[in-house]
C-alpha atoms as a PDB file:
ATOM      1  CA  MET A   1       6.178 -15.452 -33.904  1.00  0.00           C
ATOM      2  CA  LEU A   2       5.230 -17.419 -30.823  1.00  0.00           C
ATOM      3  CA  GLU A   3       2.299 -16.062 -28.851  1.00  0.00           C
ATOM      4  CA  THR A   4       2.971 -15.412 -25.180  1.00  0.00           C
ATOM      5  CA  SER A   5       0.364 -16.378 -22.645  1.00  0.00           C
ATOM      6  CA  PRO A   6      -1.023 -13.603 -20.427  1.00  0.00           C
ATOM      7  CA  PRO A   7       0.888 -13.296 -17.160  1.00  0.00           C
ATOM      8  CA  SER A   8      -0.566 -14.879 -14.049  1.00  0.00           C
ATOM      9  CA  GLY A   9      -0.501 -13.425 -10.568  1.00  0.00           C
ATOM     10  CA  VAL A  10      -1.126 -14.682  -7.048  1.00  0.00           C
ATOM     11  CA  ILE A  11      -3.634 -12.827  -4.893  1.00  0.00           C
ATOM     12  CA  PHE A  12      -5.270 -13.638  -1.577  1.00  0.00           C
ATOM     13  CA  GLN A  13      -8.441 -11.560  -1.730  1.00  0.00           C
ATOM     14  CA  ILE A  14     -10.556  -9.345  -3.943  1.00  0.00           C
ATOM     15  CA  GLN A  15     -12.502  -7.057  -1.653  1.00  0.00           C
ATOM     16  CA  ARG A  16     -15.599  -5.666  -3.328  1.00  0.00           C
ATOM     17  CA  TRP A  17     -17.359  -2.483  -2.254  1.00  0.00           C
ATOM     18  CA  SER A  18     -14.217  -1.095  -0.665  1.00  0.00           C
ATOM     19  CA  LEU A  19     -14.677   2.498   0.514  1.00  0.00           C
ATOM     20  CA  HIS A  20     -11.305   3.362   2.086  1.00  0.00           C
ATOM     21  CA  ASP A  21      -8.775   2.608  -0.650  1.00  0.00           C
ATOM     22  CA  GLY A  22      -9.402   5.591  -2.903  1.00  0.00           C
ATOM     23  CA  GLU A  23     -12.328   7.586  -4.219  1.00  0.00           C
ATOM     24  CA  GLY A  24     -15.775   6.086  -4.698  1.00  0.00           C
ATOM     25  CA  ILE A  25     -16.769   2.428  -4.605  1.00  0.00           C
ATOM     26  CA  ARG A  26     -13.772   0.242  -5.424  1.00  0.00           C
ATOM     27  CA  SER A  27     -12.526  -3.286  -5.684  1.00  0.00           C
ATOM     28  CA  THR A  28      -9.289  -3.832  -3.788  1.00  0.00           C
ATOM     29  CA  VAL A  29      -7.058  -6.589  -5.154  1.00  0.00           C
ATOM     30  CA  PHE A  30      -4.775  -7.910  -2.409  1.00  0.00           C
ATOM     31  CA  MET A  31      -1.638  -9.424  -3.950  1.00  0.00           C
ATOM     32  CA  LYS A  32       0.703 -11.900  -2.276  1.00  0.00           C
ATOM     33  CA  GLY A  33       4.409 -11.366  -1.720  1.00  0.00           C
ATOM     34  CA  CYS A  34       6.111  -8.747   0.443  1.00  0.00           C
ATOM     35  CA  PRO A  35       9.803  -8.004   1.132  1.00  0.00           C
ATOM     36  CA  LEU A  36       9.058  -6.383   4.508  1.00  0.00           C
ATOM     37  CA  ARG A  37       8.233  -8.071   7.807  1.00  0.00           C
ATOM     38  CA  CYS A  38       6.569  -5.323   9.805  1.00  0.00           C
ATOM     39  CA  GLN A  39       6.209  -6.234  13.467  1.00  0.00           C
ATOM     40  CA  TRP A  40       2.580  -5.076  13.490  1.00  0.00           C
ATOM     41  CA  CYS A  41       1.545  -6.598  10.139  1.00  0.00           C
ATOM     42  CA  ALA A  42      -2.153  -7.499   9.945  1.00  0.00           C
ATOM     43  CA  ASN A  43      -1.757  -9.596   6.794  1.00  0.00           C
ATOM     44  CA  PRO A  44       1.025 -12.161   7.353  1.00  0.00           C
ATOM     45  CA  GLU A  45      -0.671 -14.332   4.725  1.00  0.00           C
ATOM     46  CA  SER A  46       0.623 -11.785   2.208  1.00  0.00           C
ATOM     47  CA  TRP A  47       4.323 -12.363   2.951  1.00  0.00           C
ATOM     48  CA  SER A  48       4.882 -15.424   0.805  1.00  0.00           C
ATOM     49  CA  ALA A  49       4.328 -15.091  -2.943  1.00  0.00           C
ATOM     50  CA  ARG A  50       2.874 -18.620  -3.018  1.00  0.00           C
ATOM     51  CA  PRO A  51      -0.584 -19.845  -1.982  1.00  0.00           C
ATOM     52  CA  GLU A  52      -0.403 -21.306   1.545  1.00  0.00           C
ATOM     53  CA  ALA A  53      -2.702 -22.525   4.316  1.00  0.00           C
ATOM     54  CA  GLY A  54      -5.773 -21.685   2.276  1.00  0.00           C
ATOM     55  CA  PHE A  55      -4.575 -18.165   1.538  1.00  0.00           C
ATOM     56  CA  GLY A  56      -4.036 -17.247  -2.084  1.00  0.00           C
ATOM     57  CA  PHE A  57      -4.852 -18.367  -5.599  1.00  0.00           C
ATOM     58  CA  SER A  58      -3.461 -17.810  -9.070  1.00  0.00           C
ATOM     59  CA  LEU A  59      -5.325 -16.130 -11.906  1.00  0.00           C
ATOM     60  CA  THR A  60      -4.566 -14.519 -15.248  1.00  0.00           C
ATOM     61  CA  VAL A  61      -5.100 -10.877 -16.106  1.00  0.00           C
ATOM     62  CA  ASP A  62      -8.120 -11.824 -18.211  1.00  0.00           C
ATOM     63  CA  GLU A  63      -9.625 -13.750 -15.313  1.00  0.00           C
ATOM     64  CA  LEU A  64      -9.058 -10.808 -12.977  1.00  0.00           C
ATOM     65  CA  ILE A  65     -10.648  -8.314 -15.364  1.00  0.00           C
ATOM     66  CA  ALA A  66     -13.671 -10.588 -15.751  1.00  0.00           C
ATOM     67  CA  LYS A  67     -14.163 -10.519 -11.986  1.00  0.00           C
ATOM     68  CA  LEU A  68     -13.730  -6.742 -11.800  1.00  0.00           C
ATOM     69  CA  ARG A  69     -16.199  -6.059 -14.615  1.00  0.00           C
ATOM     70  CA  ARG A  70     -19.017  -7.290 -12.377  1.00  0.00           C
ATOM     71  CA  ASP A  71     -18.777  -4.030 -10.450  1.00  0.00           C
ATOM     72  CA  ALA A  72     -17.962  -1.694 -13.349  1.00  0.00           C
ATOM     73  CA  ILE A  73     -21.299   0.104 -13.059  1.00  0.00           C
ATOM     74  CA  PHE A  74     -20.537   0.984  -9.426  1.00  0.00           C
ATOM     75  CA  TYR A  75     -17.116   2.344 -10.387  1.00  0.00           C
ATOM     76  CA  ARG A  76     -18.713   4.580 -13.017  1.00  0.00           C
ATOM     77  CA  GLU A  77     -21.577   5.830 -10.867  1.00  0.00           C
ATOM     78  CA  SER A  78     -19.436   6.572  -7.780  1.00  0.00           C
ATOM     79  CA  GLY A  79     -16.194   7.740  -9.377  1.00  0.00           C
ATOM     80  CA  GLY A  80     -14.503   4.615  -8.030  1.00  0.00           C
ATOM     81  CA  GLY A  81     -12.270   1.988  -9.572  1.00  0.00           C
ATOM     82  CA  VAL A  82      -9.685  -0.643  -8.717  1.00  0.00           C
ATOM     83  CA  THR A  83      -6.942  -0.477  -6.067  1.00  0.00           C
ATOM     84  CA  PHE A  84      -4.050  -2.937  -5.958  1.00  0.00           C
ATOM     85  CA  SER A  85      -2.790  -3.657  -2.457  1.00  0.00           C
ATOM     86  CA  GLY A  86      -0.970  -6.407  -0.617  1.00  0.00           C
ATOM     87  CA  GLY A  87       1.361  -7.549   0.575  1.00  0.00           C
ATOM     88  CA  GLU A  88       3.402  -5.466  -1.796  1.00  0.00           C
ATOM     89  CA  PRO A  89       1.935  -5.181  -5.320  1.00  0.00           C
ATOM     90  CA  LEU A  90       5.325  -4.157  -6.709  1.00  0.00           C
ATOM     91  CA  ALA A  91       6.607  -7.639  -5.798  1.00  0.00           C
ATOM     92  CA  GLN A  92       4.714  -8.948  -8.856  1.00  0.00           C
ATOM     93  CA  PRO A  93       5.654  -6.229 -11.378  1.00  0.00           C
ATOM     94  CA  VAL A  94       4.965  -8.123 -14.622  1.00  0.00           C
ATOM     95  CA  PHE A  95       1.463  -9.198 -13.611  1.00  0.00           C
ATOM     96  CA  LEU A  96       0.705  -5.835 -12.011  1.00  0.00           C
ATOM     97  CA  HIS A  97       1.775  -3.875 -15.088  1.00  0.00           C
ATOM     98  CA  ALA A  98      -0.346  -6.049 -17.361  1.00  0.00           C
ATOM     99  CA  ALA A  99      -3.322  -5.845 -15.004  1.00  0.00           C
ATOM    100  CA  LEU A 100      -3.092  -2.050 -14.829  1.00  0.00           C
ATOM    101  CA  GLU A 101      -2.937  -1.800 -18.617  1.00  0.00           C
ATOM    102  CA  ALA A 102      -6.021  -3.985 -18.870  1.00  0.00           C
ATOM    103  CA  CYS A 103      -7.831  -1.909 -16.234  1.00  0.00           C
ATOM    104  CA  GLY A 104      -7.024   1.216 -18.218  1.00  0.00           C
ATOM    105  CA  GLU A 105      -8.402  -0.331 -21.409  1.00  0.00           C
ATOM    106  CA  ALA A 106     -11.579  -1.208 -19.486  1.00  0.00           C
ATOM    107  CA  GLY A 107     -11.905   2.400 -18.305  1.00  0.00           C
ATOM    108  CA  PHE A 108     -11.274   1.662 -14.620  1.00  0.00           C
ATOM    109  CA  HIS A 109      -9.669   4.283 -12.373  1.00  0.00           C
ATOM    110  CA  ARG A 110      -6.428   2.746 -11.064  1.00  0.00           C
ATOM    111  CA  ALA A 111      -4.774   3.143  -7.658  1.00  0.00           C
ATOM    112  CA  ILE A 112      -2.133   1.339  -5.630  1.00  0.00           C
ATOM    113  CA  GLU A 113      -1.264   0.897  -1.958  1.00  0.00           C
ATOM    114  CA  THR A 114       2.473   0.296  -1.707  1.00  0.00           C
ATOM    115  CA  GLY A 115       5.414   0.332   0.668  1.00  0.00           C
ATOM    116  CA  ALA A 116       7.636   1.425  -2.262  1.00  0.00           C
ATOM    117  CA  TYR A 117      10.362  -1.125  -1.520  1.00  0.00           C
ATOM    118  CA  ALA A 118      11.289  -2.146  -5.067  1.00  0.00           C
ATOM    119  CA  PRO A 119      13.863  -1.278  -7.735  1.00  0.00           C
ATOM    120  CA  TRP A 120      12.912   2.043  -9.303  1.00  0.00           C
ATOM    121  CA  GLU A 121      13.248   0.653 -12.836  1.00  0.00           C
ATOM    122  CA  LYS A 122      10.440  -1.794 -12.011  1.00  0.00           C
ATOM    123  CA  ALA A 123       8.323   0.661 -10.030  1.00  0.00           C
ATOM    124  CA  ALA A 124       8.435   3.649 -12.397  1.00  0.00           C
ATOM    125  CA  PRO A 125       6.550   2.044 -15.340  1.00  0.00           C
ATOM    126  CA  ILE A 126       3.835   0.975 -12.912  1.00  0.00           C
ATOM    127  CA  PHE A 127       3.498   4.401 -11.302  1.00  0.00           C
ATOM    128  CA  ASN A 128       3.094   5.851 -14.800  1.00  0.00           C
ATOM    129  CA  LEU A 129      -0.111   3.843 -15.255  1.00  0.00           C
ATOM    130  CA  LEU A 130      -1.789   4.971 -12.032  1.00  0.00           C
ATOM    131  CA  GLU A 131      -4.290   7.742 -11.401  1.00  0.00           C
ATOM    132  CA  GLU A 132      -3.669   7.636  -7.638  1.00  0.00           C
ATOM    133  CA  VAL A 133      -0.905   6.375  -5.343  1.00  0.00           C
ATOM    134  CA  PHE A 134      -1.052   5.603  -1.616  1.00  0.00           C
ATOM    135  CA  VAL A 135       2.433   5.015  -0.223  1.00  0.00           C
ATOM    136  CA  ASP A 136       3.516   4.057   3.306  1.00  0.00           C
ATOM    137  CA  ILE A 137       6.240   5.661   5.364  1.00  0.00           C
ATOM    138  CA  LYS A 138       6.673   3.523   8.448  1.00  0.00           C
ATOM    139  CA  HIS A 139       9.636   5.268  10.083  1.00  0.00           C
ATOM    140  CA  MET A 140      12.025   8.036   9.032  1.00  0.00           C
ATOM    141  CA  ASN A 141      15.089   6.634  10.789  1.00  0.00           C
ATOM    142  CA  SER A 142      16.631   3.980   8.554  1.00  0.00           C
ATOM    143  CA  ALA A 143      18.198   1.904  11.340  1.00  0.00           C
ATOM    144  CA  ARG A 144      14.950   1.912  13.300  1.00  0.00           C
ATOM    145  CA  HIS A 145      13.053   1.077  10.132  1.00  0.00           C
ATOM    146  CA  LYS A 146      15.240  -1.994   9.658  1.00  0.00           C
ATOM    147  CA  GLU A 147      14.580  -3.104  13.247  1.00  0.00           C
ATOM    148  CA  LEU A 148      10.830  -2.792  12.698  1.00  0.00           C
ATOM    149  CA  THR A 149      10.470  -4.158   9.164  1.00  0.00           C
ATOM    150  CA  GLY A 150      13.638  -6.099   8.343  1.00  0.00           C
ATOM    151  CA  LYS A 151      14.757  -3.556   5.732  1.00  0.00           C
ATOM    152  CA  PRO A 152      16.278  -0.047   5.853  1.00  0.00           C
ATOM    153  CA  ASN A 153      14.224   2.777   4.367  1.00  0.00           C
ATOM    154  CA  THR A 154      16.830   4.150   1.929  1.00  0.00           C
ATOM    155  CA  VAL A 155      15.254   2.640  -1.182  1.00  0.00           C
ATOM    156  CA  ILE A 156      11.759   3.554   0.023  1.00  0.00           C
ATOM    157  CA  LEU A 157      12.479   7.236   0.627  1.00  0.00           C
ATOM    158  CA  ARG A 158      14.420   7.559  -2.616  1.00  0.00           C
ATOM    159  CA  ASN A 159      11.515   6.059  -4.536  1.00  0.00           C
ATOM    160  CA  ILE A 160       9.013   8.336  -2.806  1.00  0.00           C
ATOM    161  CA  SER A 161      11.096  11.402  -3.647  1.00  0.00           C
ATOM    162  CA  ARG A 162      11.148  10.365  -7.311  1.00  0.00           C
ATOM    163  CA  LEU A 163       7.445   9.570  -7.225  1.00  0.00           C
ATOM    164  CA  LEU A 164       6.584  13.006  -5.842  1.00  0.00           C
ATOM    165  CA  GLU A 165       8.533  14.612  -8.687  1.00  0.00           C
ATOM    166  CA  ARG A 166       6.626  12.685 -11.364  1.00  0.00           C
ATOM    167  CA  HIS A 167       3.092  11.996 -10.139  1.00  0.00           C
ATOM    168  CA  ASP A 168       0.302  14.456  -9.408  1.00  0.00           C
ATOM    169  CA  ASN A 169      -1.863  12.526  -6.913  1.00  0.00           C
ATOM    170  CA  VAL A 170       0.022  10.940  -4.014  1.00  0.00           C
ATOM    171  CA  THR A 171      -1.125  10.267  -0.450  1.00  0.00           C
ATOM    172  CA  VAL A 172       1.430   9.302   2.204  1.00  0.00           C
ATOM    173  CA  ARG A 173       0.109   6.950   4.837  1.00  0.00           C
ATOM    174  CA  VAL A 174       1.718   6.347   8.214  1.00  0.00           C
ATOM    175  CA  PRO A 175       0.673   3.125  10.003  1.00  0.00           C
ATOM    176  CA  LEU A 176       0.751   4.695  13.457  1.00  0.00           C
ATOM    177  CA  VAL A 177       1.791   2.443  16.344  1.00  0.00           C
ATOM    178  CA  ALA A 178       2.135   3.691  19.923  1.00  0.00           C
ATOM    179  CA  GLY A 179       5.702   3.612  21.196  1.00  0.00           C
ATOM    180  CA  VAL A 180       7.013   2.628  17.755  1.00  0.00           C
ATOM    181  CA  ASN A 181       6.727   5.583  15.386  1.00  0.00           C
ATOM    182  CA  ASP A 182       4.460   8.079  17.148  1.00  0.00           C
ATOM    183  CA  ASP A 183       7.209  10.218  18.710  1.00  0.00           C
ATOM    184  CA  GLU A 184       7.422  13.889  17.771  1.00  0.00           C
ATOM    185  CA  ALA A 185      10.946  13.553  16.367  1.00  0.00           C
ATOM    186  CA  ASN A 186       9.780  11.013  13.791  1.00  0.00           C
ATOM    187  CA  ILE A 187       6.799  13.124  12.734  1.00  0.00           C
ATOM    188  CA  ARG A 188       8.936  16.257  12.444  1.00  0.00           C
ATOM    189  CA  ALA A 189      11.388  14.326  10.259  1.00  0.00           C
ATOM    190  CA  LEU A 190       8.458  13.235   8.113  1.00  0.00           C
ATOM    191  CA  CYS A 191       7.358  16.848   7.697  1.00  0.00           C
ATOM    192  CA  ALA A 192      10.849  17.908   6.694  1.00  0.00           C
ATOM    193  CA  PHE A 193      11.083  15.104   4.131  1.00  0.00           C
ATOM    194  CA  LEU A 194       7.735  16.007   2.528  1.00  0.00           C
ATOM    195  CA  GLN A 195       8.175  19.776   2.667  1.00  0.00           C
ATOM    196  CA  GLY A 196       7.197  21.437  -0.585  1.00  0.00           C
ATOM    197  CA  ALA A 197       6.033  18.300  -2.406  1.00  0.00           C
ATOM    198  CA  GLN A 198       3.521  19.681  -4.886  1.00  0.00           C
ATOM    199  CA  ALA A 199       2.096  16.284  -5.851  1.00  0.00           C
ATOM    200  CA  LEU A 200       1.306  15.380  -2.245  1.00  0.00           C
ATOM    201  CA  ARG A 201      -2.421  15.229  -1.581  1.00  0.00           C
ATOM    202  CA  GLY A 202      -1.809  14.873   2.136  1.00  0.00           C
ATOM    203  CA  VAL A 203      -0.786  12.573   4.983  1.00  0.00           C
ATOM    204  CA  GLU A 204      -3.103   9.995   6.475  1.00  0.00           C
ATOM    205  CA  PHE A 205      -2.509   8.313   9.825  1.00  0.00           C
ATOM    206  CA  MET A 206      -3.552   4.651   9.790  1.00  0.00           C
ATOM    207  CA  PRO A 207      -4.087   3.522  13.414  1.00  0.00           C
ATOM    208  CA  TYR A 208      -2.781   0.121  14.470  1.00  0.00           C
ATOM    209  CA  HIS A 209      -5.303  -2.685  14.946  1.00  0.00           C
ATOM    210  CA  ASN A 210      -4.899  -6.316  15.969  1.00  0.00           C
ATOM    211  CA  LEU A 211      -7.481  -7.903  13.660  1.00  0.00           C
ATOM    212  CA  GLY A 212      -4.876 -10.075  11.951  1.00  0.00           C
ATOM    213  CA  VAL A 213      -3.409 -11.747  15.039  1.00  0.00           C
ATOM    214  CA  GLY A 214      -5.306 -15.017  14.532  1.00  0.00           C
ATOM    215  CA  LYS A 215      -3.718 -15.516  11.106  1.00  0.00           C
ATOM    216  CA  TYR A 216      -0.262 -15.997  12.635  1.00  0.00           C
ATOM    217  CA  THR A 217      -1.352 -19.149  14.447  1.00  0.00           C
ATOM    218  CA  ARG A 218      -3.044 -20.483  11.323  1.00  0.00           C
ATOM    219  CA  LEU A 219       0.189 -19.970   9.353  1.00  0.00           C
ATOM    220  CA  GLY A 220       2.389 -21.458  12.085  1.00  0.00           C
ATOM    221  CA  LEU A 221       4.113 -18.122  12.714  1.00  0.00           C
ATOM    222  CA  PRO A 222       5.086 -16.600  16.075  1.00  0.00           C
ATOM    223  CA  VAL A 223       2.357 -14.276  17.326  1.00  0.00           C
ATOM    224  CA  PRO A 224       3.720 -10.706  17.407  1.00  0.00           C
ATOM    225  CA  PRO A 225       3.840  -8.755  20.677  1.00  0.00           C
ATOM    226  CA  PRO A 226       0.754  -6.637  21.392  1.00  0.00           C
ATOM    227  CA  HIS A 227       0.729  -3.043  20.185  1.00  0.00           C
ATOM    228  CA  ALA A 228      -1.703  -0.165  20.478  1.00  0.00           C
ATOM    229  CA  ALA A 229      -2.774   2.899  18.528  1.00  0.00           C
ATOM    230  CA  PRO A 230      -2.050   6.426  19.815  1.00  0.00           C
ATOM    231  CA  GLN A 231      -5.118   8.005  21.364  1.00  0.00           C
ATOM    232  CA  GLY A 232      -6.576  11.279  22.558  1.00  0.00           C
ATOM    233  CA  ARG A 233      -4.487  14.385  22.989  1.00  0.00           C
ATOM    234  CA  HIS A 234      -1.287  12.726  21.830  1.00  0.00           C
ATOM    235  CA  LEU A 235      -2.845  11.812  18.493  1.00  0.00           C
ATOM    236  CA  GLU A 236      -4.166  15.347  18.087  1.00  0.00           C
ATOM    237  CA  LYS A 237      -0.690  16.698  18.830  1.00  0.00           C
ATOM    238  CA  LEU A 238       0.760  14.576  16.029  1.00  0.00           C
ATOM    239  CA  LYS A 239      -1.853  15.941  13.628  1.00  0.00           C
ATOM    240  CA  ASP A 240      -0.985  19.464  14.742  1.00  0.00           C
ATOM    241  CA  LEU A 241       2.686  18.784  13.983  1.00  0.00           C
ATOM    242  CA  LEU A 242       1.760  17.826  10.425  1.00  0.00           C
ATOM    243  CA  ARG A 243      -0.249  21.008   9.981  1.00  0.00           C
ATOM    244  CA  GLU A 244       2.551  23.111  11.455  1.00  0.00           C
ATOM    245  CA  GLY A 245       4.847  21.479   8.910  1.00  0.00           C
ATOM    246  CA  GLY A 246       2.620  22.705   6.103  1.00  0.00           C
ATOM    247  CA  LEU A 247       1.016  19.325   5.361  1.00  0.00           C
ATOM    248  CA  THR A 248      -2.636  18.439   4.851  1.00  0.00           C
ATOM    249  CA  VAL A 249      -4.028  15.912   7.335  1.00  0.00           C
ATOM    250  CA  LEU A 250      -6.440  13.442   5.767  1.00  0.00           C
END
């Protein structure tokens, strides 16, 4: 029988000592490739699956695990682990699945940050390997979602519904952008969609920031129009709507 070489993946950053991508001290592995083109994206270097303009490099699963082992003691002591982000990690399902299996064998807690735009038959085996899932909902209206990201949300919402039926530790994140998805109708629709989901840990608003704007010029891409994050009383009102809908605000 011929031996198969371990799958390789393309990533653009391994962020050590990450404190906001799951419990404890973590390493966040940012993978390249994304099917969405969100108008407010802070990581346009993640769109292409190939290394470009100094962003991205290939490595095998074994090479990745060797890098992650350097911080294994911090994972153990803090209750942390490894989070796969992007881009869209599900865009590299073979590498991701193998990497998650290897992380499990090494005893690392495993999490993912995903937009859930992928065929369910590729996503489900990956979700089964995870201790924690962070999933984005960018807009509840499918036509508006397509305007904002280039894709409708039908596949995304269907995958999230299936995920919430099968997993026991899911956080929904909303990248909140003023004048884009911060209207009460959208948040009420979100509450209705998530009503009664037992696996849902809660909903986390992720405020817009413009820290990635300089990358567009470096990549030769059009600079996106300026956006802003909701502030003050309006933001508090949106949180209140979540609570009124029976959801936990993180």
